[in-house]
Amino acid sequence: MRYYETYEVSKTLQVYDINPHSLTAMKILAVLFAIFILLYGLRLLTIAGQSLFTGRVLVRRGLKTQWEPGVDMKETLTIAFKNGLMGLLLIILAIVMLT
């Protein structure tokens, strides 16, 4: 299945005409991907907020993920800032992809 047609304009120049059906499929995939990115960004913002309010950080121990107290408040704030910034950037990316 080809997504484009080629037209030979001259011996050295070919013009590609993109099939509009493939563009529709790409737009649908972009919307689904943007929704996934938006949800992940909201998750990171939620984790950052919980870290700020409770003073605990999300730690992975093997397959389990659990909340544990941070070593000190500076480290907890650093982790919360990183999570919040990444979540905000992912939300901005999702909004740009949807518009």
N, C-alpha and C. Protein backbone atom coordinates (compact mmCIF):
# COMPACT_ATOMS: atom_id res chain seq x y z
N MET A 1 0.84 -1.18 0.00
CA MET A 1 0.00 0.00 0.00
C MET A 1 0.89 1.23 0.00
N ARG A 2 0.75 2.05 -1.03
CA ARG A 2 1.57 3.25 -1.12
C ARG A 2 0.79 4.43 -0.58
N TYR A 3 1.50 5.30 0.09
CA TYR A 3 0.88 6.48 0.66
C TYR A 3 1.06 7.71 -0.23
N TYR A 4 1.69 7.53 -1.38
CA TYR A 4 1.91 8.67 -2.25
C TYR A 4 1.95 8.21 -3.70
N GLU A 5 1.73 9.12 -4.60
CA GLU A 5 1.84 8.88 -6.03
C GLU A 5 2.97 9.75 -6.56
N THR A 6 3.72 9.25 -7.52
CA THR A 6 4.79 10.05 -8.09
C THR A 6 4.41 10.45 -9.51
N TYR A 7 4.75 11.65 -9.83
CA TYR A 7 4.55 12.17 -11.18
C TYR A 7 5.89 12.68 -11.68
N GLU A 8 6.26 12.27 -12.88
CA GLU A 8 7.53 12.70 -13.43
C GLU A 8 7.30 13.99 -14.21
N VAL A 9 7.85 15.06 -13.70
CA VAL A 9 7.70 16.36 -14.35
C VAL A 9 8.73 16.51 -15.45
N SER A 10 9.94 16.13 -15.17
CA SER A 10 11.00 16.12 -16.18
C SER A 10 11.87 14.90 -15.92
N LYS A 11 12.99 14.79 -16.61
CA LYS A 11 13.84 13.64 -16.43
C LYS A 11 14.52 13.62 -15.05
N THR A 12 14.67 14.79 -14.43
CA THR A 12 15.38 14.86 -13.15
C THR A 12 14.48 15.20 -11.97
N LEU A 13 13.21 15.55 -12.21
CA LEU A 13 12.35 16.02 -11.13
C LEU A 13 11.12 15.14 -11.02
N GLN A 14 10.88 14.63 -9.80
CA GLN A 14 9.67 13.87 -9.53
C GLN A 14 8.87 14.62 -8.48
N VAL A 15 7.56 14.63 -8.63
CA VAL A 15 6.68 15.30 -7.68
C VAL A 15 5.90 14.22 -6.94
N TYR A 16 5.83 14.34 -5.60
CA TYR A 16 5.10 13.39 -4.78
C TYR A 16 3.75 13.99 -4.40
N ASP A 17 2.70 13.26 -4.65
CA ASP A 17 1.36 13.67 -4.26
C ASP A 17 0.91 12.72 -3.15
N ILE A 18 0.70 13.26 -1.95
CA ILE A 18 0.37 12.43 -0.80
C ILE A 18 -1.11 12.06 -0.82
N ASN A 19 -1.39 10.81 -0.53
CA ASN A 19 -2.76 10.31 -0.49
C ASN A 19 -3.48 10.91 0.73
N PRO A 20 -4.64 11.54 0.55
CA PRO A 20 -5.32 12.16 1.70
C PRO A 20 -5.79 11.17 2.76
N HIS A 21 -6.01 9.91 2.39
CA HIS A 21 -6.44 8.92 3.37
C HIS A 21 -5.32 8.61 4.37
N SER A 22 -4.08 8.63 3.90
CA SER A 22 -2.97 8.39 4.82
C SER A 22 -2.81 9.57 5.78
N LEU A 23 -3.11 10.78 5.32
CA LEU A 23 -3.05 11.94 6.20
C LEU A 23 -4.11 11.85 7.29
N THR A 24 -5.29 11.35 6.98
CA THR A 24 -6.34 11.19 7.97
C THR A 24 -5.90 10.19 9.04
N ALA A 25 -5.29 9.09 8.63
CA ALA A 25 -4.81 8.10 9.59
C ALA A 25 -3.73 8.69 10.47
N MET A 26 -2.85 9.51 9.89
CA MET A 26 -1.79 10.13 10.69
C MET A 26 -2.36 11.13 11.69
N LYS A 27 -3.41 11.84 11.30
CA LYS A 27 -4.04 12.80 12.21
C LYS A 27 -4.70 12.07 13.38
N ILE A 28 -5.34 10.95 13.10
CA ILE A 28 -5.98 10.17 14.16
C ILE A 28 -4.92 9.65 15.13
N LEU A 29 -3.80 9.14 14.60
CA LEU A 29 -2.73 8.65 15.46
C LEU A 29 -2.12 9.80 16.27
N ALA A 30 -2.00 10.98 15.68
CA ALA A 30 -1.46 12.13 16.40
C ALA A 30 -2.37 12.53 17.55
N VAL A 31 -3.68 12.47 17.35
CA VAL A 31 -4.62 12.82 18.42
C VAL A 31 -4.54 11.79 19.55
N LEU A 32 -4.48 10.51 19.20
CA LEU A 32 -4.36 9.48 20.23
C LEU A 32 -3.05 9.61 21.01
N PHE A 33 -1.97 9.90 20.31
CA PHE A 33 -0.68 10.08 20.96
C PHE A 33 -0.70 11.32 21.85
N ALA A 34 -1.35 12.39 21.39
CA ALA A 34 -1.45 13.61 22.20
C ALA A 34 -2.27 13.37 23.47
N ILE A 35 -3.32 12.59 23.38
CA ILE A 35 -4.12 12.27 24.57
C ILE A 35 -3.29 11.48 25.57
N PHE A 36 -2.50 10.52 25.08
CA PHE A 36 -1.62 9.74 25.96
C PHE A 36 -0.59 10.65 26.63
N ILE A 37 0.01 11.57 25.87
CA ILE A 37 1.00 12.50 26.43
C ILE A 37 0.34 13.41 27.46
N LEU A 38 -0.87 13.87 27.19
CA LEU A 38 -1.59 14.74 28.13
C LEU A 38 -1.85 14.02 29.45
N LEU A 39 -2.29 12.78 29.38
CA LEU A 39 -2.55 12.01 30.60
C LEU A 39 -1.27 11.77 31.39
N TYR A 40 -0.17 11.49 30.70
CA TYR A 40 1.08 11.27 31.40
C TYR A 40 1.59 12.57 32.04
N GLY A 41 1.40 13.70 31.35
CA GLY A 41 1.78 14.99 31.93
C GLY A 41 0.96 15.32 33.17
N LEU A 42 -0.33 15.02 33.12
CA LEU A 42 -1.17 15.24 34.31
C LEU A 42 -0.75 14.34 35.46
N ARG A 43 -0.35 13.12 35.14
CA ARG A 43 0.13 12.19 36.18
C ARG A 43 1.38 12.75 36.85
N LEU A 44 2.31 13.27 36.04
CA LEU A 44 3.53 13.83 36.61
C LEU A 44 3.24 15.06 37.47
N LEU A 45 2.31 15.90 37.03
CA LEU A 45 1.94 17.06 37.85
C LEU A 45 1.30 16.63 39.16
N THR A 46 0.50 15.59 39.12
CA THR A 46 -0.13 15.07 40.34
C THR A 46 0.93 14.53 41.30
N ILE A 47 1.90 13.79 40.77
CA ILE A 47 2.99 13.25 41.60
C ILE A 47 3.79 14.40 42.22
N ALA A 48 4.04 15.45 41.44
CA ALA A 48 4.79 16.60 41.97
C ALA A 48 4.01 17.28 43.08
N GLY A 49 2.71 17.44 42.90
CA GLY A 49 1.89 18.06 43.94
C GLY A 49 1.85 17.24 45.21
N GLN A 50 1.73 15.94 45.07
CA GLN A 50 1.72 15.07 46.25
C GLN A 50 3.07 15.11 46.96
N SER A 51 4.15 15.18 46.20
CA SER A 51 5.47 15.27 46.82
C SER A 51 5.62 16.57 47.59
N LEU A 52 5.10 17.66 47.04
CA LEU A 52 5.20 18.95 47.73
C LEU A 52 4.39 18.96 49.02
N PHE A 53 3.19 18.43 48.99
CA PHE A 53 2.31 18.52 50.15
C PHE A 53 2.62 17.50 51.24
N THR A 54 3.10 16.31 50.84
CA THR A 54 3.33 15.27 51.85
C THR A 54 4.79 15.12 52.26
N GLY A 55 5.72 15.61 51.43
CA GLY A 55 7.13 15.44 51.75
C GLY A 55 7.65 14.05 51.44
N ARG A 56 6.88 13.29 50.69
CA ARG A 56 7.29 11.94 50.32
C ARG A 56 7.54 11.90 48.82
N VAL A 57 8.37 10.97 48.38
CA VAL A 57 8.69 10.82 46.96
C VAL A 57 8.29 9.42 46.50
N LEU A 58 8.02 9.31 45.22
CA LEU A 58 7.64 8.03 44.62
C LEU A 58 8.92 7.28 44.25
N VAL A 59 9.09 6.07 44.80
CA VAL A 59 10.32 5.30 44.61
C VAL A 59 9.96 3.94 44.03
N ARG A 60 10.76 3.50 43.06
CA ARG A 60 10.57 2.15 42.51
C ARG A 60 11.49 1.18 43.22
N ARG A 61 10.92 0.10 43.70
CA ARG A 61 11.66 -0.99 44.33
C ARG A 61 11.36 -2.26 43.55
N GLY A 62 12.17 -2.54 42.57
CA GLY A 62 11.89 -3.70 41.71
C GLY A 62 10.67 -3.43 40.86
N LEU A 63 9.65 -4.27 41.00
CA LEU A 63 8.43 -4.07 40.24
C LEU A 63 7.43 -3.18 40.96
N LYS A 64 7.64 -2.98 42.26
CA LYS A 64 6.71 -2.18 43.05
C LYS A 64 7.11 -0.71 43.05
N THR A 65 6.12 0.14 43.07
CA THR A 65 6.33 1.58 43.23
C THR A 65 5.64 1.98 44.51
N GLN A 66 6.34 2.70 45.38
CA GLN A 66 5.75 3.08 46.65
C GLN A 66 6.24 4.46 47.07
N TRP A 67 5.44 5.09 47.94
CA TRP A 67 5.79 6.40 48.47
C TRP A 67 6.67 6.21 49.69
N GLU A 68 7.81 6.91 49.71
CA GLU A 68 8.71 6.86 50.86
C GLU A 68 9.10 8.28 51.25
N PRO A 69 9.40 8.50 52.52
CA PRO A 69 9.82 9.84 52.93
C PRO A 69 11.12 10.24 52.24
N GLY A 70 11.21 11.50 51.84
CA GLY A 70 12.43 11.99 51.22
C GLY A 70 13.55 12.09 52.24
N VAL A 71 14.80 12.06 51.77
CA VAL A 71 15.95 12.14 52.66
C VAL A 71 15.95 13.49 53.38
N ASP A 72 15.80 14.56 52.63
CA ASP A 72 15.64 15.88 53.22
C ASP A 72 14.69 16.68 52.33
N MET A 73 14.25 17.80 52.83
CA MET A 73 13.24 18.58 52.10
C MET A 73 13.79 19.15 50.80
N LYS A 74 15.10 19.46 50.76
CA LYS A 74 15.70 20.00 49.54
C LYS A 74 15.62 18.98 48.41
N GLU A 75 15.94 17.74 48.72
CA GLU A 75 15.86 16.69 47.70
C GLU A 75 14.42 16.45 47.26
N THR A 76 13.51 16.48 48.20
CA THR A 76 12.09 16.30 47.88
C THR A 76 11.60 17.43 46.97
N LEU A 77 12.00 18.66 47.26
CA LEU A 77 11.61 19.79 46.42
C LEU A 77 12.23 19.70 45.03
N THR A 78 13.47 19.22 44.95
CA THR A 78 14.12 19.05 43.65
C THR A 78 13.37 18.03 42.80
N ILE A 79 13.02 16.90 43.39
CA ILE A 79 12.31 15.86 42.66
C ILE A 79 10.92 16.36 42.25
N ALA A 80 10.24 17.07 43.15
CA ALA A 80 8.92 17.60 42.83
C ALA A 80 9.02 18.63 41.71
N PHE A 81 10.06 19.47 41.73
CA PHE A 81 10.24 20.47 40.67
C PHE A 81 10.49 19.80 39.32
N LYS A 82 11.33 18.76 39.30
CA LYS A 82 11.61 18.05 38.05
C LYS A 82 10.35 17.39 37.50
N ASN A 83 9.58 16.74 38.38
CA ASN A 83 8.33 16.10 37.94
C ASN A 83 7.33 17.14 37.43
N GLY A 84 7.21 18.25 38.15
CA GLY A 84 6.27 19.29 37.75
C GLY A 84 6.65 19.93 36.44
N LEU A 85 7.93 20.21 36.25
CA LEU A 85 8.39 20.82 34.99
C LEU A 85 8.18 19.88 33.82
N MET A 86 8.51 18.61 33.99
CA MET A 86 8.32 17.64 32.91
C MET A 86 6.84 17.47 32.60
N GLY A 87 6.00 17.43 33.63
CA GLY A 87 4.56 17.33 33.40
C GLY A 87 4.02 18.53 32.65
N LEU A 88 4.47 19.72 33.03
CA LEU A 88 4.02 20.95 32.35
C LEU A 88 4.46 20.96 30.90
N LEU A 89 5.70 20.56 30.63
CA LEU A 89 6.18 20.52 29.25
C LEU A 89 5.42 19.49 28.41
N LEU A 90 5.09 18.35 29.01
CA LEU A 90 4.32 17.34 28.28
C LEU A 90 2.91 17.83 27.97
N ILE A 91 2.31 18.56 28.90
CA ILE A 91 0.97 19.11 28.66
C ILE A 91 1.02 20.14 27.53
N ILE A 92 2.05 20.98 27.53
CA ILE A 92 2.19 21.96 26.45
C ILE A 92 2.38 21.25 25.11
N LEU A 93 3.19 20.19 25.09
CA LEU A 93 3.40 19.42 23.86
C LEU A 93 2.08 18.82 23.36
N ALA A 94 1.29 18.27 24.27
CA ALA A 94 0.01 17.67 23.87
C ALA A 94 -0.94 18.73 23.31
N ILE A 95 -0.96 19.91 23.91
CA ILE A 95 -1.84 20.98 23.42
C ILE A 95 -1.38 21.42 22.02
N VAL A 96 -0.07 21.51 21.83
CA VAL A 96 0.44 21.90 20.51
C VAL A 96 0.10 20.83 19.47
N MET A 97 0.18 19.57 19.86
CA MET A 97 -0.16 18.50 18.92
C MET A 97 -1.64 18.48 18.56
N LEU A 98 -2.49 18.90 19.50
CA LEU A 98 -3.93 18.88 19.25
C LEU A 98 -4.39 20.07 18.42
N THR A 99 -3.63 21.17 18.43
CA THR A 99 -4.06 22.35 17.66
C THR A 99 -3.44 22.38 16.29
